[in-house]
């Protein structure tokens, strides 16, 4: 059984916020609630990196562990769903989540969709009837039931945001790391060659001609 996971490649994320916009449009999320957001570390400084963050659908979800009414459900695919009909809006999940995924509307304790809101991996809600009007009203589009990936990952122009089977996601990222390592090694070799120049002052008689020895260029 596949285990669905998100992964954001910080080397590719360009902070365009397309994932955030796509999520809000796809699910018609109310103002004040952001299921996904882009966080920038060291903004404007050397080593700046951006990450797209949402519910990570943890295998041992802390939100589910602290919920006093057991309104969380973890599917066979590892997707953490939330039952708005059971939720009492206590906010325990918000404080337990290390990613700040649970969202609450800014216009009161309750919104048109219920109490707490969070990323569903585009899998709707815990209702047995998939893609029903009631499910969409509370949770948004159920793309997983249609055999599609989450809209945020599909709309990522640089393919920084990966979503799907954890093993497949891991393989994709592993290949990227290997390719980056190979590219960095090639670049280093080219740079080393660029920093060396022949020293014509050295000669040898073994070959009957001049010998060229590469010596570091002190100007670089």
C-alpha atoms as a PDB file:
ATOM      1  CA  UNK A   1       0.000   0.000   0.000  1.00  0.00           C
ATOM      2  CA  UNK A   2       1.364   3.407  -1.021  1.00  0.00           C
ATOM      3  CA  UNK A   3       2.129   5.939   1.697  1.00  0.00           C
ATOM      4  CA  UNK A   4       1.423   9.449   0.444  1.00  0.00           C
ATOM      5  CA  UNK A   5       3.953  12.133   1.352  1.00  0.00           C
ATOM      6  CA  UNK A   6       4.982  15.671   0.450  1.00  0.00           C
ATOM      7  CA  UNK A   7       8.557  16.835  -0.046  1.00  0.00           C
ATOM      8  CA  UNK A   8       9.741  20.311  -1.018  1.00  0.00           C
ATOM      9  CA  UNK A   9      13.097  20.558  -2.766  1.00  0.00           C
ATOM     10  CA  UNK A  10      14.657  23.746  -1.374  1.00  0.00           C
ATOM     11  CA  UNK A  11      17.165  23.844  -4.240  1.00  0.00           C
ATOM     12  CA  UNK A  12      14.317  24.297  -6.732  1.00  0.00           C
ATOM     13  CA  UNK A  13      11.720  26.385  -4.880  1.00  0.00           C
ATOM     14  CA  UNK A  14      11.665  29.958  -6.246  1.00  0.00           C
ATOM     15  CA  UNK A  15       9.069  31.380  -3.824  1.00  0.00           C
ATOM     16  CA  UNK A  16       6.537  32.010  -6.609  1.00  0.00           C
ATOM     17  CA  UNK A  17       3.600  30.992  -4.356  1.00  0.00           C
ATOM     18  CA  UNK A  18       1.882  29.176  -7.235  1.00  0.00           C
ATOM     19  CA  UNK A  19       1.211  26.254  -4.888  1.00  0.00           C
ATOM     20  CA  UNK A  20      -0.510  28.564  -2.390  1.00  0.00           C
ATOM     21  CA  UNK A  21      -2.686  30.196  -5.037  1.00  0.00           C
ATOM     22  CA  UNK A  22      -3.576  26.895  -6.715  1.00  0.00           C
ATOM     23  CA  UNK A  23      -4.665  25.401  -3.392  1.00  0.00           C
ATOM     24  CA  UNK A  24      -6.907  28.342  -2.503  1.00  0.00           C
ATOM     25  CA  UNK A  25      -8.519  28.396  -5.949  1.00  0.00           C
ATOM     26  CA  UNK A  26      -9.040  24.638  -6.212  1.00  0.00           C
ATOM     27  CA  UNK A  27     -10.757  24.310  -2.847  1.00  0.00           C
ATOM     28  CA  UNK A  28     -12.301  27.803  -2.580  1.00  0.00           C
ATOM     29  CA  UNK A  29     -10.652  28.315   0.786  1.00  0.00           C
ATOM     30  CA  UNK A  30     -12.043  31.285   2.750  1.00  0.00           C
ATOM     31  CA  UNK A  31     -10.041  34.419   3.426  1.00  0.00           C
ATOM     32  CA  UNK A  32      -7.786  34.111   6.444  1.00  0.00           C
ATOM     33  CA  UNK A  33      -7.100  30.399   5.972  1.00  0.00           C
ATOM     34  CA  UNK A  34      -4.003  29.112   4.149  1.00  0.00           C
ATOM     35  CA  UNK A  35      -3.658  25.366   3.855  1.00  0.00           C
ATOM     36  CA  UNK A  36      -0.249  25.889   2.257  1.00  0.00           C
ATOM     37  CA  UNK A  37       2.302  28.679   2.624  1.00  0.00           C
ATOM     38  CA  UNK A  38       5.850  29.403   1.478  1.00  0.00           C
ATOM     39  CA  UNK A  39       8.428  30.034   4.196  1.00  0.00           C
ATOM     40  CA  UNK A  40      11.724  31.756   3.343  1.00  0.00           C
ATOM     41  CA  UNK A  41      14.813  31.235   5.504  1.00  0.00           C
ATOM     42  CA  UNK A  42      17.645  33.821   5.545  1.00  0.00           C
ATOM     43  CA  UNK A  43      15.647  36.144   3.321  1.00  0.00           C
ATOM     44  CA  UNK A  44      18.008  38.373   1.327  1.00  0.00           C
ATOM     45  CA  UNK A  45      21.108  36.791   2.844  1.00  0.00           C
ATOM     46  CA  UNK A  46      23.633  34.248   1.551  1.00  0.00           C
ATOM     47  CA  UNK A  47      22.176  30.763   1.763  1.00  0.00           C
ATOM     48  CA  UNK A  48      18.579  31.938   1.305  1.00  0.00           C
ATOM     49  CA  UNK A  49      16.139  29.042   0.853  1.00  0.00           C
ATOM     50  CA  UNK A  50      12.378  28.791   0.445  1.00  0.00           C
ATOM     51  CA  UNK A  51      10.105  25.907   1.386  1.00  0.00           C
ATOM     52  CA  UNK A  52       6.461  25.194   0.638  1.00  0.00           C
ATOM     53  CA  UNK A  53       4.868  24.022   3.891  1.00  0.00           C
ATOM     54  CA  UNK A  54       1.509  22.414   4.665  1.00  0.00           C
ATOM     55  CA  UNK A  55       0.242  19.398   6.586  1.00  0.00           C
ATOM     56  CA  UNK A  56       2.956  16.744   6.138  1.00  0.00           C
ATOM     57  CA  UNK A  57       0.536  13.873   6.849  1.00  0.00           C
ATOM     58  CA  UNK A  58       2.756  12.429   9.539  1.00  0.00           C
ATOM     59  CA  UNK A  59       2.855   8.685  10.122  1.00  0.00           C
ATOM     60  CA  UNK A  60       2.457   9.328  13.850  1.00  0.00           C
ATOM     61  CA  UNK A  61       0.457  12.542  13.638  1.00  0.00           C
ATOM     62  CA  UNK A  62       0.725  14.633  16.832  1.00  0.00           C
ATOM     63  CA  UNK A  63      -2.517  16.448  15.986  1.00  0.00           C
ATOM     64  CA  UNK A  64      -4.418  13.160  16.165  1.00  0.00           C
ATOM     65  CA  UNK A  65      -2.670  12.238  19.416  1.00  0.00           C
ATOM     66  CA  UNK A  66      -3.868  15.347  21.277  1.00  0.00           C
ATOM     67  CA  UNK A  67      -7.386  15.675  19.833  1.00  0.00           C
ATOM     68  CA  UNK A  68      -9.871  15.211  22.727  1.00  0.00           C
ATOM     69  CA  UNK A  69     -12.729  14.147  20.438  1.00  0.00           C
ATOM     70  CA  UNK A  70     -10.799  11.892  18.023  1.00  0.00           C
ATOM     71  CA  UNK A  71     -11.828  13.822  14.934  1.00  0.00           C
ATOM     72  CA  UNK A  72      -8.731  12.786  12.945  1.00  0.00           C
ATOM     73  CA  UNK A  73      -8.619   9.783  10.661  1.00  0.00           C
ATOM     74  CA  UNK A  74      -5.512   8.342   8.985  1.00  0.00           C
ATOM     75  CA  UNK A  75      -6.295   6.501   5.764  1.00  0.00           C
ATOM     76  CA  UNK A  76      -4.587   3.353   4.504  1.00  0.00           C
ATOM     77  CA  UNK A  77      -2.472   5.627   2.271  1.00  0.00           C
ATOM     78  CA  UNK A  78      -1.261   7.606   5.285  1.00  0.00           C
ATOM     79  CA  UNK A  79      -3.345  10.719   4.542  1.00  0.00           C
ATOM     80  CA  UNK A  80      -4.435  12.527   7.713  1.00  0.00           C
ATOM     81  CA  UNK A  81      -8.049  13.621   7.374  1.00  0.00           C
ATOM     82  CA  UNK A  82     -10.063  15.780   9.759  1.00  0.00           C
ATOM     83  CA  UNK A  83     -13.774  15.503  10.542  1.00  0.00           C
ATOM     84  CA  UNK A  84     -15.309  18.967  10.758  1.00  0.00           C
ATOM     85  CA  UNK A  85     -18.572  17.604  12.133  1.00  0.00           C
ATOM     86  CA  UNK A  86     -16.782  16.146  15.160  1.00  0.00           C
ATOM     87  CA  UNK A  87     -14.273  18.973  15.692  1.00  0.00           C
ATOM     88  CA  UNK A  88     -15.010  21.291  18.630  1.00  0.00           C
ATOM     89  CA  UNK A  89     -12.463  23.959  17.642  1.00  0.00           C
ATOM     90  CA  UNK A  90     -10.370  23.614  20.805  1.00  0.00           C
ATOM     91  CA  UNK A  91      -7.093  24.368  18.996  1.00  0.00           C
ATOM     92  CA  UNK A  92      -5.063  21.585  20.620  1.00  0.00           C
ATOM     93  CA  UNK A  93      -4.017  20.336  17.189  1.00  0.00           C
ATOM     94  CA  UNK A  94      -2.681  23.766  16.275  1.00  0.00           C
ATOM     95  CA  UNK A  95      -0.294  23.797  19.230  1.00  0.00           C
ATOM     96  CA  UNK A  96       0.754  20.175  18.716  1.00  0.00           C
ATOM     97  CA  UNK A  97       1.571  20.459  15.010  1.00  0.00           C
ATOM     98  CA  UNK A  98       5.257  21.340  14.346  1.00  0.00           C
ATOM     99  CA  UNK A  99       4.353  22.682  10.885  1.00  0.00           C
ATOM    100  CA  UNK A 100       1.521  25.036  11.893  1.00  0.00           C
ATOM    101  CA  UNK A 101      -0.806  23.187   9.510  1.00  0.00           C
ATOM    102  CA  UNK A 102      -4.161  23.526  11.359  1.00  0.00           C
ATOM    103  CA  UNK A 103      -5.869  26.780  10.372  1.00  0.00           C
ATOM    104  CA  UNK A 104      -8.702  28.676  11.980  1.00  0.00           C
ATOM    105  CA  UNK A 105     -10.788  31.400  10.313  1.00  0.00           C
ATOM    106  CA  UNK A 106     -10.083  34.969  11.340  1.00  0.00           C
ATOM    107  CA  UNK A 107     -13.737  36.046  11.320  1.00  0.00           C
ATOM    108  CA  UNK A 108     -14.873  34.084  14.332  1.00  0.00           C
ATOM    109  CA  UNK A 109     -14.720  30.688  15.999  1.00  0.00           C
ATOM    110  CA  UNK A 110     -16.623  29.052  13.158  1.00  0.00           C
ATOM    111  CA  UNK A 111     -16.583  29.506   9.402  1.00  0.00           C
ATOM    112  CA  UNK A 112     -18.872  28.331   6.633  1.00  0.00           C
ATOM    113  CA  UNK A 113     -16.901  25.090   6.471  1.00  0.00           C
ATOM    114  CA  UNK A 114     -16.792  24.199  10.150  1.00  0.00           C
ATOM    115  CA  UNK A 115     -14.093  24.658  12.778  1.00  0.00           C
ATOM    116  CA  UNK A 116     -10.482  23.799  11.952  1.00  0.00           C
ATOM    117  CA  UNK A 117      -9.208  23.611   8.380  1.00  0.00           C
ATOM    118  CA  UNK A 118      -6.031  22.066   6.973  1.00  0.00           C
ATOM    119  CA  UNK A 119      -4.471  20.427   3.925  1.00  0.00           C
ATOM    120  CA  UNK A 120      -6.257  17.211   2.970  1.00  0.00           C
ATOM    121  CA  UNK A 121      -3.708  16.077   0.333  1.00  0.00           C
ATOM    122  CA  UNK A 122      -6.603  16.901  -2.016  1.00  0.00           C
ATOM    123  CA  UNK A 123      -8.357  13.785  -0.671  1.00  0.00           C
ATOM    124  CA  UNK A 124     -11.544  15.441   0.580  1.00  0.00           C
ATOM    125  CA  UNK A 125     -12.862  14.431   3.970  1.00  0.00           C
ATOM    126  CA  UNK A 126     -13.613  11.249   5.919  1.00  0.00           C
ATOM    127  CA  UNK A 127     -17.090  10.888   4.387  1.00  0.00           C
ATOM    128  CA  UNK A 128     -17.755   7.493   2.799  1.00  0.00           C
ATOM    129  CA  UNK A 129     -19.238   9.092  -0.315  1.00  0.00           C
ATOM    130  CA  UNK A 130     -16.350  10.545  -2.316  1.00  0.00           C
ATOM    131  CA  UNK A 131     -16.779  13.707  -4.412  1.00  0.00           C
ATOM    132  CA  UNK A 132     -20.181  14.502  -2.923  1.00  0.00           C
ATOM    133  CA  UNK A 133     -21.419  18.131  -2.722  1.00  0.00           C
ATOM    134  CA  UNK A 134     -21.315  17.924   1.072  1.00  0.00           C
ATOM    135  CA  UNK A 135     -17.692  16.777   1.016  1.00  0.00           C
ATOM    136  CA  UNK A 136     -16.685  19.569  -1.340  1.00  0.00           C
ATOM    137  CA  UNK A 137     -18.465  22.215   0.734  1.00  0.00           C
ATOM    138  CA  UNK A 138     -16.474  21.307   3.838  1.00  0.00           C
ATOM    139  CA  UNK A 139     -13.164  20.005   2.496  1.00  0.00           C
ATOM    140  CA  UNK A 140     -12.775  21.018  -1.133  1.00  0.00           C
ATOM    141  CA  UNK A 141     -11.957  18.932  -4.197  1.00  0.00           C
ATOM    142  CA  UNK A 142     -11.239  15.209  -3.848  1.00  0.00           C
ATOM    143  CA  UNK A 143      -8.553  14.825  -6.508  1.00  0.00           C
ATOM    144  CA  UNK A 144      -7.207  11.581  -5.039  1.00  0.00           C
ATOM    145  CA  UNK A 145     -10.544   9.875  -5.736  1.00  0.00           C
ATOM    146  CA  UNK A 146     -10.134  11.029  -9.351  1.00  0.00           C
ATOM    147  CA  UNK A 147      -6.669   9.482  -9.553  1.00  0.00           C
ATOM    148  CA  UNK A 148      -4.886  12.840  -9.551  1.00  0.00           C
ATOM    149  CA  UNK A 149      -2.077  14.321  -7.481  1.00  0.00           C
ATOM    150  CA  UNK A 150      -2.578  17.312  -5.151  1.00  0.00           C
ATOM    151  CA  UNK A 151      -3.059  20.521  -7.144  1.00  0.00           C
ATOM    152  CA  UNK A 152      -0.157  22.276  -5.390  1.00  0.00           C
ATOM    153  CA  UNK A 153       2.365  19.738  -6.687  1.00  0.00           C
ATOM    154  CA  UNK A 154       0.881  19.743 -10.190  1.00  0.00           C
ATOM    155  CA  UNK A 155       1.106  23.528 -10.429  1.00  0.00           C
ATOM    156  CA  UNK A 156       4.712  23.811  -9.205  1.00  0.00           C
ATOM    157  CA  UNK A 157       6.566  25.199 -12.245  1.00  0.00           C
ATOM    158  CA  UNK A 158      10.018  24.059 -11.078  1.00  0.00           C
ATOM    159  CA  UNK A 159       8.833  20.673  -9.756  1.00  0.00           C
ATOM    160  CA  UNK A 160      10.196  21.628  -6.356  1.00  0.00           C
ATOM    161  CA  UNK A 161       7.100  20.310  -4.580  1.00  0.00           C
ATOM    162  CA  UNK A 162       6.892  16.523  -4.839  1.00  0.00           C
ATOM    163  CA  UNK A 163       3.792  14.569  -3.804  1.00  0.00           C
ATOM    164  CA  UNK A 164       2.741  10.938  -4.025  1.00  0.00           C
ATOM    165  CA  UNK A 165       3.986   7.531  -2.957  1.00  0.00           C
ATOM    166  CA  UNK A 166       6.787   8.060  -0.439  1.00  0.00           C
ATOM    167  CA  UNK A 167       9.032   5.526  -2.199  1.00  0.00           C
ATOM    168  CA  UNK A 168       8.621   7.244  -5.566  1.00  0.00           C
ATOM    169  CA  UNK A 169       9.213  10.678  -4.048  1.00  0.00           C
ATOM    170  CA  UNK A 170      12.358   9.380  -2.340  1.00  0.00           C
ATOM    171  CA  UNK A 171      13.650   7.894  -5.606  1.00  0.00           C
ATOM    172  CA  UNK A 172      13.087  11.164  -7.486  1.00  0.00           C
ATOM    173  CA  UNK A 173      14.899  13.198  -4.859  1.00  0.00           C
ATOM    174  CA  UNK A 174      17.732  10.663  -4.627  1.00  0.00           C
ATOM    175  CA  UNK A 175      18.318  10.945  -8.376  1.00  0.00           C
ATOM    176  CA  UNK A 176      18.404  14.724  -8.084  1.00  0.00           C
ATOM    177  CA  UNK A 177      21.008  14.596  -5.324  1.00  0.00           C
ATOM    178  CA  UNK A 178      23.190  12.237  -7.366  1.00  0.00           C
ATOM    179  CA  UNK A 179      22.928  14.437 -10.452  1.00  0.00           C
ATOM    180  CA  UNK A 180      23.747  17.544  -8.442  1.00  0.00           C
ATOM    181  CA  UNK A 181      26.784  15.831  -6.959  1.00  0.00           C
ATOM    182  CA  UNK A 182      28.010  14.831 -10.410  1.00  0.00           C
ATOM    183  CA  UNK A 183      27.440  18.343 -11.752  1.00  0.00           C
ATOM    184  CA  UNK A 184      29.241  19.914  -8.785  1.00  0.00           C
ATOM    185  CA  UNK A 185      32.204  17.560  -9.276  1.00  0.00           C
ATOM    186  CA  UNK A 186      32.431  18.437 -12.979  1.00  0.00           C
ATOM    187  CA  UNK A 187      32.240  22.133 -12.176  1.00  0.00           C
ATOM    188  CA  UNK A 188      35.026  21.777  -9.617  1.00  0.00           C
ATOM    189  CA  UNK A 189      37.251  20.018 -12.151  1.00  0.00           C
ATOM    190  CA  UNK A 190      36.634  22.723 -14.730  1.00  0.00           C
ATOM    191  CA  UNK A 191      37.407  25.401 -12.156  1.00  0.00           C
ATOM    192  CA  UNK A 192      40.643  23.666 -11.200  1.00  0.00           C
ATOM    193  CA  UNK A 193      41.728  23.571 -14.844  1.00  0.00           C
ATOM    194  CA  UNK A 194      40.845  27.228 -15.244  1.00  0.00           C
ATOM    195  CA  UNK A 195      43.029  28.108 -12.266  1.00  0.00           C
ATOM    196  CA  UNK A 196      46.128  26.431 -13.714  1.00  0.00           C
ATOM    197  CA  UNK A 197      48.459  27.607 -16.536  1.00  0.00           C
ATOM    198  CA  UNK A 198      51.621  26.159 -18.136  1.00  0.00           C
ATOM    199  CA  UNK A 199      55.032  27.151 -16.726  1.00  0.00           C
ATOM    200  CA  UNK A 200      57.390  27.518 -19.721  1.00  0.00           C
ATOM    201  CA  UNK A 201      60.444  28.039 -17.488  1.00  0.00           C
ATOM    202  CA  UNK A 202      60.686  24.292 -16.838  1.00  0.00           C
ATOM    203  CA  UNK A 203      62.230  21.999 -19.466  1.00  0.00           C
ATOM    204  CA  UNK A 204      63.448  18.418 -19.709  1.00  0.00           C
ATOM    205  CA  UNK A 205      65.661  16.322 -21.880  1.00  0.00           C
ATOM    206  CA  UNK A 206      63.956  12.957 -21.422  1.00  0.00           C
ATOM    207  CA  UNK A 207      61.535  13.588 -24.280  1.00  0.00           C
ATOM    208  CA  UNK A 208      63.929  15.653 -26.318  1.00  0.00           C
ATOM    209  CA  UNK A 209      61.797  18.766 -25.958  1.00  0.00           C
ATOM    210  CA  UNK A 210      60.292  21.128 -23.445  1.00  0.00           C
ATOM    211  CA  UNK A 211      58.178  19.813 -20.587  1.00  0.00           C
ATOM    212  CA  UNK A 212      55.082  21.770 -19.570  1.00  0.00           C
ATOM    213  CA  UNK A 213      54.133  21.556 -15.900  1.00  0.00           C
ATOM    214  CA  UNK A 214      50.856  22.980 -14.700  1.00  0.00           C
ATOM    215  CA  UNK A 215      51.231  25.351 -11.799  1.00  0.00           C
ATOM    216  CA  UNK A 216      48.608  27.306  -9.872  1.00  0.00           C
ATOM    217  CA  UNK A 217      47.731  30.731 -11.222  1.00  0.00           C
ATOM    218  CA  UNK A 218      48.277  33.070  -8.293  1.00  0.00           C
ATOM    219  CA  UNK A 219      45.950  35.652  -9.837  1.00  0.00           C
ATOM    220  CA  UNK A 220      42.872  33.464  -9.042  1.00  0.00           C
END
